[in-house]
Protein backbone atom coordinates (compact mmCIF):
# COMPACT_ATOMS: atom_id res chain seq x y z
CA MET A 1 -16.01 42.22 45.29
CA LEU A 2 -17.81 38.43 44.77
CA VAL A 3 -15.02 36.72 46.00
CA LEU A 4 -14.83 38.76 49.12
CA THR A 5 -18.39 38.85 49.80
CA THR A 6 -18.25 34.97 49.49
CA ASN A 7 -15.20 34.76 52.14
CA MET A 8 -17.24 37.26 54.59
CA SER A 9 -20.00 34.86 54.24
CA GLN A 10 -18.10 31.79 55.40
CA VAL A 11 -16.41 33.57 58.32
CA ASN A 12 -19.31 34.44 59.73
CA ARG A 13 -21.02 31.05 59.57
CA ILE A 14 -21.05 29.18 62.83
CA SER A 15 -19.33 26.04 63.07
CA VAL A 16 -21.43 23.46 64.82
CA CYS A 17 -20.26 20.01 65.63
CA HIS A 18 -22.65 17.54 67.03
CA VAL A 19 -21.05 14.54 68.97
CA ALA A 20 -23.29 11.73 69.28
CA VAL A 21 -22.73 7.54 70.23
CA GLY A 22 -24.81 6.40 67.26
CA ASP A 23 -25.02 3.05 68.08
CA LEU A 24 -28.39 2.79 67.81
CA TRP A 25 -31.42 3.64 65.29
CA ALA A 26 -33.93 4.64 67.74
CA GLY A 27 -35.80 8.57 68.82
CA ALA A 28 -32.64 10.17 69.87
CA GLU A 29 -31.32 8.90 66.75
CA VAL A 30 -33.89 9.65 64.47
CA GLN A 31 -34.82 12.94 65.95
CA LEU A 32 -30.81 14.22 65.38
CA LYS A 33 -31.04 13.15 61.71
CA VAL A 34 -34.13 15.17 61.43
CA LEU A 35 -32.72 17.87 63.04
CA LEU A 36 -29.72 17.84 60.65
CA SER A 37 -31.68 17.60 57.74
CA LYS A 38 -33.39 21.30 58.42
CA LEU A 39 -30.05 22.77 59.68
CA VAL A 40 -27.95 21.85 56.73
CA LEU A 41 -30.34 23.94 54.97
CA ARG A 42 -29.04 26.98 56.75
CA PRO A 43 -26.44 29.08 55.11
CA GLU A 44 -25.40 30.28 58.60
CA LEU A 45 -24.25 27.07 59.97
CA ASN A 46 -21.33 25.29 59.25
CA LEU A 47 -22.29 21.47 60.43
CA SER A 48 -20.08 18.29 60.97
CA VAL A 49 -20.91 15.32 63.12
CA ILE A 50 -18.25 13.01 65.32
CA LEU A 51 -20.22 9.26 66.32
CA PHE A 52 -18.68 6.71 68.31
CA ASN A 53 -20.00 4.12 66.07
CA GLY A 54 -20.89 3.66 62.33
CA GLY A 55 -24.16 1.91 61.43
CA ARG A 56 -27.71 3.52 60.11
CA LEU A 57 -27.23 7.01 61.55
CA CYS A 58 -23.63 7.32 60.01
CA LYS A 59 -25.22 6.46 56.73
CA GLU A 60 -28.24 8.71 57.20
CA ILE A 61 -26.21 11.79 58.02
CA GLU A 62 -23.90 11.45 55.09
CA ALA A 63 -26.65 11.09 52.67
CA LEU A 64 -27.47 14.84 53.75
CA GLY A 65 -24.23 16.03 52.65
CA VAL A 66 -22.74 16.87 56.25
CA PRO A 67 -19.26 15.12 57.25
CA VAL A 68 -19.33 12.73 59.46
CA THR A 69 -16.08 11.27 61.49
CA VAL A 70 -16.47 8.14 63.17
CA PHE A 71 -14.59 7.21 66.52
CA PRO A 72 -15.08 3.55 66.95
CA GLU A 73 -15.59 3.28 70.55
CA ALA A 74 -15.57 -0.64 70.54
CA GLU A 75 -11.76 -0.32 69.24
CA TRP A 76 -10.81 2.47 71.43
CA GLY A 77 -12.21 2.82 74.75
CA SER A 78 -13.29 5.79 76.77
CA GLY A 79 -9.53 7.08 77.45
CA LYS A 80 -8.38 7.18 73.50
CA LEU A 81 -11.87 8.54 72.58
CA PHE A 82 -11.27 11.54 74.87
CA LEU A 83 -7.76 12.20 73.38
CA GLU A 84 -9.09 11.94 70.19
CA LEU A 85 -12.15 14.25 70.97
CA ALA A 86 -9.49 16.64 71.93
CA ARG A 87 -7.47 16.66 69.03
CA LYS A 88 -10.09 17.16 66.61
CA PHE A 89 -11.66 19.87 68.27
CA LYS A 90 -8.03 21.62 68.38
CA GLN A 91 -7.92 21.55 64.87
CA SER A 92 -11.51 22.68 64.43
CA ASN A 93 -12.99 26.02 64.23
CA ALA A 94 -16.02 24.99 65.80
CA LYS A 95 -17.82 27.54 67.83
CA ILE A 96 -20.42 25.09 69.40
CA ILE A 97 -20.17 21.19 70.73
CA HIS A 98 -23.62 20.01 70.80
CA THR A 99 -24.19 16.35 72.71
CA HIS A 100 -27.11 13.96 73.05
CA LYS A 101 -26.42 11.30 75.46
CA TYR A 102 -24.36 10.33 78.73
CA LYS A 103 -21.54 9.18 77.06
CA ASP A 104 -20.91 11.85 74.53
CA THR A 105 -21.38 14.62 76.93
CA ILE A 106 -19.37 13.50 79.51
CA LEU A 107 -16.36 12.79 77.07
CA ALA A 108 -16.87 15.62 74.55
CA ALA A 109 -18.02 18.85 76.65
CA PRO A 110 -14.79 18.43 79.06
CA ALA A 111 -12.66 17.95 75.89
CA ALA A 112 -14.33 21.27 74.15
CA LYS A 113 -13.61 23.32 77.42
CA LEU A 114 -10.06 22.21 77.42
CA CYS A 115 -9.27 22.99 73.78
CA GLY A 116 -11.51 26.31 74.17
CA ILE A 117 -14.30 25.73 72.44
CA PRO A 118 -16.32 28.56 73.64
CA TYR A 119 -19.92 26.75 73.90
CA VAL A 120 -21.40 23.62 74.48
CA VAL A 121 -24.95 22.56 73.90
CA ARG A 122 -26.49 19.05 75.41
CA THR A 123 -30.20 17.77 74.31
CA VAL A 124 -31.73 15.58 76.85
CA HIS A 125 -34.06 13.05 74.76
CA GLY A 126 -35.42 11.19 77.67
CA LEU A 127 -35.20 10.58 81.24
CA ARG A 128 -33.42 7.47 82.96
CA GLU A 129 -35.23 4.65 82.33
CA PRO A 130 -36.44 2.68 85.06
CA PHE A 131 -33.41 0.19 85.50
CA GLU A 132 -32.84 -2.41 88.44
CA GLY A 133 -29.89 -3.36 90.20
CA LEU A 134 -26.66 -3.02 88.65
CA ARG A 135 -27.86 -1.29 85.29
CA ALA A 136 -29.03 1.29 87.96
CA PHE A 137 -26.54 1.77 89.93
CA LYS A 138 -24.42 2.30 86.71
CA MET A 139 -26.89 4.89 85.48
CA SER A 140 -26.76 6.71 88.80
CA LEU A 141 -23.06 7.07 88.54
CA TYR A 142 -23.46 8.37 85.21
CA GLU A 143 -25.75 10.64 86.15
CA SER A 144 -23.53 11.76 89.23
CA ILE A 145 -20.68 12.48 86.73
CA GLU A 146 -22.62 14.44 84.20
CA ARG A 147 -23.94 16.72 86.58
CA THR A 148 -20.45 17.77 87.33
CA VAL A 149 -19.81 17.96 83.85
CA HIS A 150 -23.02 19.92 83.36
CA ARG A 151 -22.39 22.25 85.84
CA TRP A 152 -18.18 23.08 84.64
CA CYS A 153 -18.64 22.35 80.74
CA VAL A 154 -22.43 22.90 79.56
CA ASN A 155 -23.73 26.50 78.65
CA SER A 156 -27.27 25.25 77.64
CA ILE A 157 -29.49 22.18 77.93
CA ILE A 158 -32.15 21.59 75.46
CA GLY A 159 -34.74 19.35 77.00
CA VAL A 160 -37.40 17.75 74.39
CA SER A 161 -40.52 18.20 77.18
CA SER A 162 -41.30 20.45 79.81
CA GLN A 163 -40.76 17.89 82.41
CA ILE A 164 -37.04 17.43 81.30
CA GLU A 165 -37.10 21.31 81.17
CA ARG A 166 -38.33 21.64 84.98
CA ARG A 167 -36.19 18.40 86.14
CA TYR A 168 -32.97 20.15 84.94
CA ARG A 169 -33.87 23.70 85.87
CA ALA A 170 -34.46 22.36 89.59
CA GLU A 171 -31.03 21.00 89.21
CA GLY A 172 -29.37 24.13 89.24
CA ALA A 173 -26.46 22.93 87.11
CA VAL A 174 -26.92 24.62 84.03
CA SER A 175 -28.43 28.25 83.83
CA ARG A 176 -29.75 28.66 80.53
CA VAL A 177 -32.20 25.80 80.11
CA VAL A 178 -34.66 25.60 77.42
CA CYS A 179 -37.60 23.17 76.26
CA ILE A 180 -37.50 22.79 72.49
CA ARG A 181 -39.77 19.63 71.72
CA ASN A 182 -39.06 17.14 69.00
CA GLY A 183 -40.40 17.79 65.60
CA ILE A 184 -41.35 15.62 62.57
CA ASP A 185 -40.40 16.53 59.00
CA LEU A 186 -43.73 16.21 56.92
CA ASP A 187 -42.07 17.26 53.71
CA GLY A 188 -41.51 13.77 52.77
CA ARG A 189 -44.30 11.77 54.27
CA PRO A 190 -45.37 8.99 51.90
CA THR A 191 -48.71 8.99 49.76
CA PRO A 192 -51.47 7.21 50.75
CA VAL A 193 -51.12 3.52 50.76
CA ASP A 194 -53.35 0.86 50.22
CA ARG A 195 -54.81 -0.01 53.55
CA ASN A 196 -56.29 -3.01 52.44
CA ARG A 197 -53.22 -4.68 50.49
CA ILE A 198 -50.89 -4.18 53.22
CA ARG A 199 -53.52 -5.78 55.95
CA ARG A 200 -53.85 -8.83 53.49
CA ASP A 201 -50.06 -9.02 53.55
CA LEU A 202 -49.70 -9.15 57.24
CA GLY A 203 -52.95 -11.66 57.66
CA VAL A 204 -55.35 -9.42 58.47
CA ASP A 205 -58.53 -9.49 57.55
CA THR A 206 -60.89 -6.33 57.03
CA GLY A 207 -63.28 -7.18 59.78
CA SER A 208 -60.64 -7.22 62.47
CA CYS A 209 -59.46 -4.06 64.14
CA LEU A 210 -55.72 -3.74 63.92
CA ILE A 211 -53.89 -2.33 67.07
CA GLY A 212 -50.29 -1.85 66.52
CA THR A 213 -47.12 -0.03 68.36
CA VAL A 214 -43.74 0.98 66.75
CA GLY A 215 -40.42 0.80 68.93
CA ARG A 216 -37.69 -0.76 70.43
CA LEU A 217 -38.65 -4.00 72.34
CA THR A 218 -37.38 -2.71 75.90
CA PRO A 219 -38.94 -3.04 79.45
CA VAL A 220 -39.11 0.63 79.33
CA LYS A 221 -41.76 0.65 76.53
CA GLY A 222 -44.40 -1.54 78.74
CA LEU A 223 -45.38 -4.02 76.04
CA SER A 224 -45.93 -6.75 78.51
CA TYR A 225 -48.98 -4.62 79.73
CA LEU A 226 -50.37 -4.16 76.11
CA LEU A 227 -50.35 -7.99 75.51
CA GLN A 228 -52.21 -8.65 78.99
CA SER A 229 -54.64 -5.95 77.45
CA ILE A 230 -55.16 -7.67 74.22
CA SER A 231 -55.70 -11.05 76.18
CA ILE A 232 -58.46 -8.81 78.50
CA LEU A 233 -60.07 -7.89 74.49
CA LEU A 234 -60.03 -11.19 72.96
CA ARG A 235 -61.85 -12.49 76.13
CA GLN A 236 -64.08 -10.24 76.03
CA ARG A 237 -64.50 -11.43 72.34
CA ALA A 238 -63.30 -8.49 70.59
CA ASN A 239 -62.19 -9.04 66.91
CA VAL A 240 -58.63 -7.53 67.63
CA ARG A 241 -55.25 -8.35 66.12
CA LEU A 242 -52.08 -6.63 67.42
CA LEU A 243 -49.22 -5.70 65.25
CA ILE A 244 -45.63 -5.16 67.25
CA VAL A 245 -43.01 -3.43 64.59
CA GLY A 246 -39.32 -3.35 66.08
CA ASP A 247 -36.70 -5.42 67.89
CA GLY A 248 -35.10 -5.67 71.10
CA VAL A 249 -33.64 -7.45 73.95
CA ILE A 250 -37.08 -8.78 75.44
CA ARG A 251 -38.52 -10.08 71.86
CA LYS A 252 -38.39 -13.71 73.05
CA ASP A 253 -39.65 -12.90 76.41
CA LEU A 254 -42.70 -11.17 74.82
CA GLU A 255 -43.23 -13.98 72.18
CA ALA A 256 -42.98 -16.68 75.27
CA GLN A 257 -45.61 -14.43 77.03
CA ALA A 258 -48.02 -14.00 74.10
CA ARG A 259 -48.14 -18.05 74.18
CA ASP A 260 -48.58 -18.18 77.87
CA LEU A 261 -51.72 -16.07 77.72
CA GLY A 262 -52.86 -18.04 74.25
CA ILE A 263 -52.79 -15.08 72.05
CA SER A 264 -49.75 -16.25 69.63
CA GLU A 265 -52.48 -16.24 66.85
CA ASN A 266 -53.42 -12.94 67.45
CA VAL A 267 -49.80 -11.05 67.76
CA VAL A 268 -48.07 -10.48 64.65
CA PHE A 269 -44.02 -9.50 65.57
CA LEU A 270 -42.62 -8.03 62.69
CA GLY A 271 -39.15 -7.13 63.64
CA HIS A 272 -37.38 -4.27 62.46
CA ARG A 273 -39.09 -2.82 59.34
CA GLU A 274 -37.86 0.26 57.24
CA ASP A 275 -41.57 0.74 55.81
CA THR A 276 -43.03 1.60 59.18
CA GLU A 277 -44.76 5.14 57.91
CA GLU A 278 -46.78 2.78 55.20
CA LEU A 279 -47.57 -0.03 58.30
CA LEU A 280 -49.04 2.70 60.37
CA GLN A 281 -51.52 3.96 57.75
CA ALA A 282 -52.64 -0.04 58.09
CA LEU A 283 -53.47 0.62 61.67
CA ASP A 284 -57.13 1.58 63.31
CA ILE A 285 -54.88 2.38 66.47
CA PHE A 286 -51.76 3.04 67.63
CA VAL A 287 -50.90 2.27 71.31
CA LEU A 288 -47.69 3.35 73.21
CA PRO A 289 -48.25 1.84 76.68
CA SER A 290 -45.03 3.19 77.85
CA LEU A 291 -43.77 3.60 81.22
CA ASN A 292 -41.57 7.03 80.54
CA GLU A 293 -41.04 9.01 77.54
CA GLY A 294 -39.35 12.02 76.29
CA ILE A 295 -41.01 13.21 73.05
CA PRO A 296 -41.55 9.70 71.28
CA MET A 297 -40.91 9.98 67.64
CA ALA A 298 -43.28 6.87 66.94
CA LEU A 299 -46.13 8.61 68.64
CA LEU A 300 -45.43 11.59 66.39
CA GLU A 301 -45.35 9.54 63.51
CA ALA A 302 -48.35 8.11 64.11
CA MET A 303 -50.14 11.25 64.79
CA ALA A 304 -48.87 12.21 61.38
CA ALA A 305 -50.62 9.16 59.77
CA SER A 306 -53.97 10.30 61.18
CA ARG A 307 -54.15 7.34 63.71
CA ALA A 308 -56.18 7.58 66.95
CA VAL A 309 -53.96 6.98 69.90
CA VAL A 310 -53.95 5.21 73.10
CA ALA A 311 -51.09 5.82 75.08
CA SER A 312 -49.63 6.15 78.82
CA ARG A 313 -49.84 9.17 80.69
CA VAL A 314 -46.32 9.74 81.26
CA GLY A 315 -43.18 11.80 80.49
CA GLY A 316 -43.83 14.19 77.64
CA ILE A 317 -46.94 12.32 76.15
CA PRO A 318 -49.59 14.64 77.59
CA GLU A 319 -47.65 17.70 75.82
CA ILE A 320 -48.56 16.15 72.65
CA VAL A 321 -51.85 14.31 73.14
CA GLU A 322 -54.80 15.98 75.03
CA ASP A 323 -57.08 13.66 76.55
CA GLY A 324 -60.13 12.90 74.49
CA VAL A 325 -58.97 14.97 71.63
CA GLU A 326 -55.81 13.51 69.60
CA GLY A 327 -56.19 10.15 71.42
CA ILE A 328 -56.84 8.78 74.91
CA LEU A 329 -54.31 8.71 77.92
CA VAL A 330 -54.20 6.11 80.57
CA GLU A 331 -52.49 5.22 83.79
CA PRO A 332 -49.23 3.34 82.93
CA MET A 333 -49.27 -0.47 83.82
CA ASP A 334 -53.05 -0.32 84.14
CA VAL A 335 -54.31 -2.84 81.60
CA ASN A 336 -57.72 -2.68 82.08
CA GLN A 337 -57.88 0.77 81.46
CA LEU A 338 -55.41 0.23 78.49
CA ALA A 339 -57.91 -2.69 77.00
CA GLU A 340 -61.28 -0.48 78.22
CA ASN A 341 -60.08 2.66 76.17
CA CYS A 342 -59.01 0.23 73.13
CA ARG A 343 -62.37 -1.12 73.30
CA ARG A 344 -63.87 2.45 73.37
CA LEU A 345 -62.32 2.68 70.04
CA ILE A 346 -63.03 -0.56 68.45
CA GLU A 347 -66.84 0.12 69.43
CA PHE A 348 -66.63 4.03 68.20
CA PRO A 349 -64.51 3.97 64.99
CA GLU A 350 -66.05 7.35 64.54
CA THR A 351 -64.55 8.68 67.24
CA ALA A 352 -61.31 6.80 66.34
CA MET A 353 -61.43 8.94 62.90
CA LYS A 354 -62.26 11.87 64.28
CA MET A 355 -59.28 11.66 66.65
CA GLY A 356 -56.89 10.75 64.16
CA GLU A 357 -57.79 13.84 62.19
CA GLN A 358 -57.27 16.08 65.18
CA ALA A 359 -53.97 14.25 65.89
CA ARG A 360 -52.72 14.82 62.30
CA LYS A 361 -53.68 18.85 62.69
CA ARG A 362 -51.71 19.06 66.16
CA VAL A 363 -48.72 17.75 64.44
CA VAL A 364 -48.74 19.99 61.77
CA GLN A 365 -49.06 22.99 63.85
CA GLU A 366 -46.93 22.27 66.62
CA PHE A 367 -44.35 19.62 65.82
CA SER A 368 -42.90 20.31 62.43
CA ALA A 369 -39.16 19.94 61.93
CA ALA A 370 -38.58 23.34 60.56
CA ALA A 371 -40.03 24.91 63.69
CA MET A 372 -37.67 22.75 66.02
CA ALA A 373 -34.66 23.69 63.55
CA ASP A 374 -35.35 27.24 63.99
CA ARG A 375 -35.36 27.04 67.35
CA VAL A 376 -31.95 25.31 67.67
CA ALA A 377 -30.58 27.47 65.47
CA GLY A 378 -31.86 30.50 67.37
CA LEU A 379 -29.88 29.04 70.11
CA TYR A 380 -27.01 28.86 68.99
CA LYS A 381 -27.18 32.62 67.70
CA GLU A 382 -27.95 33.65 70.99
CA LEU A 383 -25.07 31.72 72.73
CA VAL A 384 -22.62 33.02 70.30
CA MET A 385 -23.87 36.68 70.39
CA SER A 386 -23.95 36.50 74.46
CA ARG A 387 -20.16 37.33 74.49
């Protein structure tokens, strides 16, 4: 009888295969790992993952005990990727394919339908970045193809912000569109660190206000405006240092801009770091001057570290930060407003501390990874029971 019960339990599990490009370790990739870390604990789910690249995301998922198959896009190209996805899906007992970006959706969703897999779920982690020229044309083409794929092959879209949900509801290609906001895993948060030691290691004296940001160094993050605002603060004789954690295609441009502004001695480019949670605790103010965002993981992590934030009023950020409560919202690209509100928190550190405390409470109450996983698992069950 015990063996029969175990077999029935295995039969009744919902098999879900996540497909992702996996070429980066950025917000969408971190979020997928966090989601899987909670879904793998649910006995009703049987998880597997297909990635188009090896690397950190692959290692992080394997460490969770989730089976990972790597289809090397650099060696295969799109045609072979599609054929191999179809072959893999035919051999599987998957009920749901869950995709995360343009490329994996365009390839995996039609392959799933071709193989008779009943359901495809697509998470939209953010809206298109404001590219120009050829890149803008290519992204428009990808979006056009994806809209057709959504219409014929996708059963449900998850938007990580209300803005994204509204966009895809208006598009009308998929009838089931839901908002499930990103969550952060608070169970493994680091114990408080020696802030003064970290600041000394960074060459920041105790009297300086340490402003920082974490993320990919790409144009959409608006970091050139942050450098301009720091220049304004320094001209006003504010005692500030700026910490930029992360790497990317515009790092050299940002370093050159800091030199041109004459603020290189006040800006620390740390590059990629594994200890971002500890570094966040060393900050006085976290700044996110993005031009577009979904629900940024770096912002949630800063709030979980009880940091006051100054962030752009774009994308899903106003869904996380209430202006004047957990932090301050500013208009994107407005360097004077950005500098003015950073100065406000510098001059009133008790306000910054209170905002940081409220930020931590907001994340704990509304942006936990467990709650996010509950909603995703609930969507899976709704789809399977809908037939």
